[in-house]
Amino acid sequence: MAEEFIALDTSYLPEMAALFKKAFEREPWNDNWSDEAQLTEYMKEISGGFHPLNYGLLVDGKLTAVSIGQIKHWWQGTEYYLDELFVDPDEQGQGTGSRFLQMIEEDVKKRGLGGIFLQTDNDKPAYGFYQRRHFKELTEHVSLFKQL
């Protein structure tokens, strides 16, 4: 098995979208990404920020894991703001996500960034995945939303 850690550019958008859909239309998320135009726009928005930083993991030449985010500057320092991280469901449970996250952390450190910030649902397996990899819950941080 040959693994290659790469930076993703816009040429990977169709593959990123297809893998995202495959990962999140299943249990436990059950997201409905049947609107291809909506999915394409979402991928463009989150992968093309002001300072985008998108990673991929190719396994035997196939895009198997993706991290979409951006570099954000804050008064406490500069960090990698991770919008989405997903692994091909056929590869989950085999250490692929852990290896990929380690590669991301190493690259983020090389760039001189002070940390990785992300949000996830506390009732999904991703929550435990990040906790086992030493991410700490920010108890004073709250996400807010208003349905209009």
C-alpha atoms as a PDB file:
ATOM      1  CA  MET A   1       0.000   0.000   0.000  1.00  0.00           C
ATOM      2  CA  ALA A   2       1.530   3.294  -1.130  1.00  0.00           C
ATOM      3  CA  GLU A   3       0.428   6.430   0.740  1.00  0.00           C
ATOM      4  CA  GLU A   4       1.098   9.966  -0.445  1.00  0.00           C
ATOM      5  CA  PHE A   5       0.295  13.094   1.585  1.00  0.00           C
ATOM      6  CA  ILE A   6      -0.501  15.964  -0.780  1.00  0.00           C
ATOM      7  CA  ALA A   7      -1.767  19.531  -0.882  1.00  0.00           C
ATOM      8  CA  LEU A   8      -5.131  19.720  -2.625  1.00  0.00           C
ATOM      9  CA  ASP A   9      -5.960  22.414  -5.153  1.00  0.00           C
ATOM     10  CA  THR A  10      -9.131  23.130  -7.122  1.00  0.00           C
ATOM     11  CA  SER A  11      -8.375  20.375  -9.620  1.00  0.00           C
ATOM     12  CA  TYR A  12      -9.389  17.909  -6.887  1.00  0.00           C
ATOM     13  CA  LEU A  13     -12.824  19.481  -6.217  1.00  0.00           C
ATOM     14  CA  PRO A  14     -14.868  16.767  -7.986  1.00  0.00           C
ATOM     15  CA  GLU A  15     -13.027  13.982  -6.137  1.00  0.00           C
ATOM     16  CA  MET A  16     -13.292  15.858  -2.838  1.00  0.00           C
ATOM     17  CA  ALA A  17     -17.039  16.328  -3.299  1.00  0.00           C
ATOM     18  CA  ALA A  18     -17.619  12.682  -4.224  1.00  0.00           C
ATOM     19  CA  LEU A  19     -15.676  11.432  -1.197  1.00  0.00           C
ATOM     20  CA  PHE A  20     -17.395  13.944   1.108  1.00  0.00           C
ATOM     21  CA  LYS A  21     -20.801  12.774  -0.099  1.00  0.00           C
ATOM     22  CA  LYS A  22     -19.825   9.107   0.334  1.00  0.00           C
ATOM     23  CA  ALA A  23     -18.623   9.759   3.884  1.00  0.00           C
ATOM     24  CA  PHE A  24     -21.478  11.916   5.175  1.00  0.00           C
ATOM     25  CA  GLU A  25     -24.559  10.430   3.537  1.00  0.00           C
ATOM     26  CA  ARG A  26     -24.100   7.326   5.708  1.00  0.00           C
ATOM     27  CA  GLU A  27     -24.606   6.577   9.366  1.00  0.00           C
ATOM     28  CA  PRO A  28     -24.250   8.259  11.742  1.00  0.00           C
ATOM     29  CA  TRP A  29     -24.603  11.581   9.888  1.00  0.00           C
ATOM     30  CA  ASN A  30     -27.197  10.755   7.226  1.00  0.00           C
ATOM     31  CA  ASP A  31     -26.693  14.132   5.501  1.00  0.00           C
ATOM     32  CA  ASN A  32     -28.642  14.548   2.278  1.00  0.00           C
ATOM     33  CA  TRP A  33     -26.196  15.835  -0.351  1.00  0.00           C
ATOM     34  CA  SER A  34     -28.373  14.869  -3.334  1.00  0.00           C
ATOM     35  CA  ASP A  35     -28.287  18.476  -4.592  1.00  0.00           C
ATOM     36  CA  GLU A  36     -25.020  18.327  -6.551  1.00  0.00           C
ATOM     37  CA  ALA A  37     -24.965  22.104  -7.129  1.00  0.00           C
ATOM     38  CA  GLN A  38     -25.245  22.726  -3.375  1.00  0.00           C
ATOM     39  CA  LEU A  39     -22.470  20.205  -2.692  1.00  0.00           C
ATOM     40  CA  THR A  40     -20.200  21.769  -5.321  1.00  0.00           C
ATOM     41  CA  GLU A  41     -20.723  25.259  -3.914  1.00  0.00           C
ATOM     42  CA  TYR A  42     -20.063  24.031  -0.373  1.00  0.00           C
ATOM     43  CA  MET A  43     -16.798  22.423  -1.448  1.00  0.00           C
ATOM     44  CA  LYS A  44     -15.747  25.603  -3.277  1.00  0.00           C
ATOM     45  CA  GLU A  45     -16.591  27.800  -0.285  1.00  0.00           C
ATOM     46  CA  ILE A  46     -14.755  25.863   2.374  1.00  0.00           C
ATOM     47  CA  SER A  47     -11.755  24.903   0.241  1.00  0.00           C
ATOM     48  CA  GLY A  48     -11.113  28.331  -1.227  1.00  0.00           C
ATOM     49  CA  GLY A  49     -10.890  30.677   1.735  1.00  0.00           C
ATOM     50  CA  PHE A  50      -8.543  33.632   1.963  1.00  0.00           C
ATOM     51  CA  HIS A  51      -5.693  31.402   3.192  1.00  0.00           C
ATOM     52  CA  PRO A  52      -6.812  27.879   2.181  1.00  0.00           C
ATOM     53  CA  LEU A  53      -4.922  24.879   3.458  1.00  0.00           C
ATOM     54  CA  ASN A  54      -6.316  21.630   2.089  1.00  0.00           C
ATOM     55  CA  TYR A  55      -4.704  18.229   2.395  1.00  0.00           C
ATOM     56  CA  GLY A  56      -5.304  14.853   0.831  1.00  0.00           C
ATOM     57  CA  LEU A  57      -4.105  11.333   1.338  1.00  0.00           C
ATOM     58  CA  LEU A  58      -3.706   9.194  -1.731  1.00  0.00           C
ATOM     59  CA  VAL A  59      -3.653   5.449  -1.118  1.00  0.00           C
ATOM     60  CA  ASP A  60      -2.448   3.562  -4.160  1.00  0.00           C
ATOM     61  CA  GLY A  61      -3.227   6.688  -6.198  1.00  0.00           C
ATOM     62  CA  LYS A  62      -6.833   7.019  -4.932  1.00  0.00           C
ATOM     63  CA  LEU A  63      -7.995   9.999  -2.857  1.00  0.00           C
ATOM     64  CA  THR A  64      -8.841   8.337   0.437  1.00  0.00           C
ATOM     65  CA  ALA A  65      -8.810  11.120   3.053  1.00  0.00           C
ATOM     66  CA  VAL A  66      -9.341  14.870   2.862  1.00  0.00           C
ATOM     67  CA  SER A  67      -8.843  17.781   5.217  1.00  0.00           C
ATOM     68  CA  ILE A  68     -10.318  21.125   4.208  1.00  0.00           C
ATOM     69  CA  GLY A  69      -9.434  24.234   6.133  1.00  0.00           C
ATOM     70  CA  GLN A  70      -7.654  27.524   6.236  1.00  0.00           C
ATOM     71  CA  ILE A  71      -5.011  29.416   8.085  1.00  0.00           C
ATOM     72  CA  LYS A  72      -6.595  31.918  10.467  1.00  0.00           C
ATOM     73  CA  HIS A  73      -4.929  34.729  12.341  1.00  0.00           C
ATOM     74  CA  TRP A  74      -6.081  35.422  15.870  1.00  0.00           C
ATOM     75  CA  TRP A  75      -4.799  37.523  18.758  1.00  0.00           C
ATOM     76  CA  GLN A  76      -3.472  34.345  20.410  1.00  0.00           C
ATOM     77  CA  GLY A  77      -1.598  33.301  17.274  1.00  0.00           C
ATOM     78  CA  THR A  78      -2.070  31.719  13.900  1.00  0.00           C
ATOM     79  CA  GLU A  79      -3.811  28.365  13.621  1.00  0.00           C
ATOM     80  CA  TYR A  80      -5.198  25.824  11.191  1.00  0.00           C
ATOM     81  CA  TYR A  81      -8.980  26.096  11.210  1.00  0.00           C
ATOM     82  CA  LEU A  82     -10.204  22.674  10.134  1.00  0.00           C
ATOM     83  CA  ASP A  83     -13.612  22.864   8.465  1.00  0.00           C
ATOM     84  CA  GLU A  84     -13.939  19.238   7.349  1.00  0.00           C
ATOM     85  CA  LEU A  85     -11.920  16.062   7.719  1.00  0.00           C
ATOM     86  CA  PHE A  86     -13.204  12.850   6.181  1.00  0.00           C
ATOM     87  CA  VAL A  87     -11.963   9.408   5.265  1.00  0.00           C
ATOM     88  CA  ASP A  88     -13.375   6.989   2.728  1.00  0.00           C
ATOM     89  CA  PRO A  89     -15.802   4.811   4.741  1.00  0.00           C
ATOM     90  CA  ASP A  90     -14.213   1.726   3.165  1.00  0.00           C
ATOM     91  CA  GLU A  91     -10.907   2.728   4.817  1.00  0.00           C
ATOM     92  CA  GLN A  92     -12.233   3.708   8.246  1.00  0.00           C
ATOM     93  CA  GLY A  93     -11.211   1.696  11.278  1.00  0.00           C
ATOM     94  CA  GLN A  94      -7.839   0.804   9.756  1.00  0.00           C
ATOM     95  CA  GLY A  95      -5.763   3.677  11.162  1.00  0.00           C
ATOM     96  CA  THR A  96      -5.983   5.769   7.982  1.00  0.00           C
ATOM     97  CA  GLY A  97      -7.576   8.744   9.726  1.00  0.00           C
ATOM     98  CA  SER A  98      -5.035   8.640  12.555  1.00  0.00           C
ATOM     99  CA  ARG A  99      -2.078   8.519  10.165  1.00  0.00           C
ATOM    100  CA  PHE A 100      -3.584  11.301   8.065  1.00  0.00           C
ATOM    101  CA  LEU A 101      -4.188  13.527  11.090  1.00  0.00           C
ATOM    102  CA  GLN A 102      -0.594  12.943  12.230  1.00  0.00           C
ATOM    103  CA  MET A 103       0.658  14.035   8.796  1.00  0.00           C
ATOM    104  CA  ILE A 104      -1.502  17.163   9.019  1.00  0.00           C
ATOM    105  CA  GLU A 105      -0.170  17.974  12.486  1.00  0.00           C
ATOM    106  CA  GLU A 106       3.424  17.614  11.301  1.00  0.00           C
ATOM    107  CA  ASP A 107       2.831  19.933   8.335  1.00  0.00           C
ATOM    108  CA  VAL A 108       0.982  22.477  10.483  1.00  0.00           C
ATOM    109  CA  LYS A 109       3.947  22.524  12.901  1.00  0.00           C
ATOM    110  CA  LYS A 110       6.408  22.989  10.017  1.00  0.00           C
ATOM    111  CA  ARG A 111       4.392  26.008   8.934  1.00  0.00           C
ATOM    112  CA  GLY A 112       4.789  27.518  12.392  1.00  0.00           C
ATOM    113  CA  LEU A 113       1.084  27.407  13.200  1.00  0.00           C
ATOM    114  CA  GLY A 114       0.190  27.186  16.871  1.00  0.00           C
ATOM    115  CA  GLY A 115      -2.610  24.644  16.742  1.00  0.00           C
ATOM    116  CA  ILE A 116      -5.630  23.150  15.062  1.00  0.00           C
ATOM    117  CA  PHE A 117      -9.162  24.357  15.773  1.00  0.00           C
ATOM    118  CA  LEU A 118     -12.234  22.371  14.750  1.00  0.00           C
ATOM    119  CA  GLN A 119     -15.845  21.819  15.647  1.00  0.00           C
ATOM    120  CA  THR A 120     -17.704  18.517  15.706  1.00  0.00           C
ATOM    121  CA  ASP A 121     -20.881  17.053  17.155  1.00  0.00           C
ATOM    122  CA  ASN A 122     -20.435  15.464  20.575  1.00  0.00           C
ATOM    123  CA  ASP A 123     -22.865  12.661  19.693  1.00  0.00           C
ATOM    124  CA  LYS A 124     -20.882  11.394  16.695  1.00  0.00           C
ATOM    125  CA  PRO A 125     -17.863   9.052  16.516  1.00  0.00           C
ATOM    126  CA  ALA A 126     -15.657  11.943  15.351  1.00  0.00           C
ATOM    127  CA  TYR A 127     -15.886  13.444  18.855  1.00  0.00           C
ATOM    128  CA  GLY A 128     -14.170  10.421  20.415  1.00  0.00           C
ATOM    129  CA  PHE A 129     -11.719  10.192  17.509  1.00  0.00           C
ATOM    130  CA  TYR A 130     -10.439  13.710  18.200  1.00  0.00           C
ATOM    131  CA  GLN A 131     -10.423  13.276  21.970  1.00  0.00           C
ATOM    132  CA  ARG A 132      -8.287  10.127  21.651  1.00  0.00           C
ATOM    133  CA  ARG A 133      -5.831  12.229  19.638  1.00  0.00           C
ATOM    134  CA  HIS A 134      -5.494  14.776  22.456  1.00  0.00           C
ATOM    135  CA  PHE A 135      -7.882  17.459  21.191  1.00  0.00           C
ATOM    136  CA  LYS A 136      -9.442  19.220  24.163  1.00  0.00           C
ATOM    137  CA  GLU A 137     -13.015  20.392  24.384  1.00  0.00           C
ATOM    138  CA  LEU A 138     -13.326  24.156  24.763  1.00  0.00           C
ATOM    139  CA  THR A 139     -16.034  24.288  27.395  1.00  0.00           C
ATOM    140  CA  GLU A 140     -16.312  28.066  27.214  1.00  0.00           C
ATOM    141  CA  HIS A 141     -16.815  27.983  23.418  1.00  0.00           C
ATOM    142  CA  VAL A 142     -20.399  27.849  22.216  1.00  0.00           C
ATOM    143  CA  SER A 143     -21.786  27.548  18.704  1.00  0.00           C
ATOM    144  CA  LEU A 144     -24.969  29.502  18.060  1.00  0.00           C
ATOM    145  CA  PHE A 145     -27.506  29.278  15.245  1.00  0.00           C
ATOM    146  CA  LYS A 146     -30.803  30.981  14.430  1.00  0.00           C
ATOM    147  CA  GLN A 147     -33.252  29.376  11.998  1.00  0.00           C
ATOM    148  CA  LEU A 148     -34.828  31.996   9.735  1.00  0.00           C
END
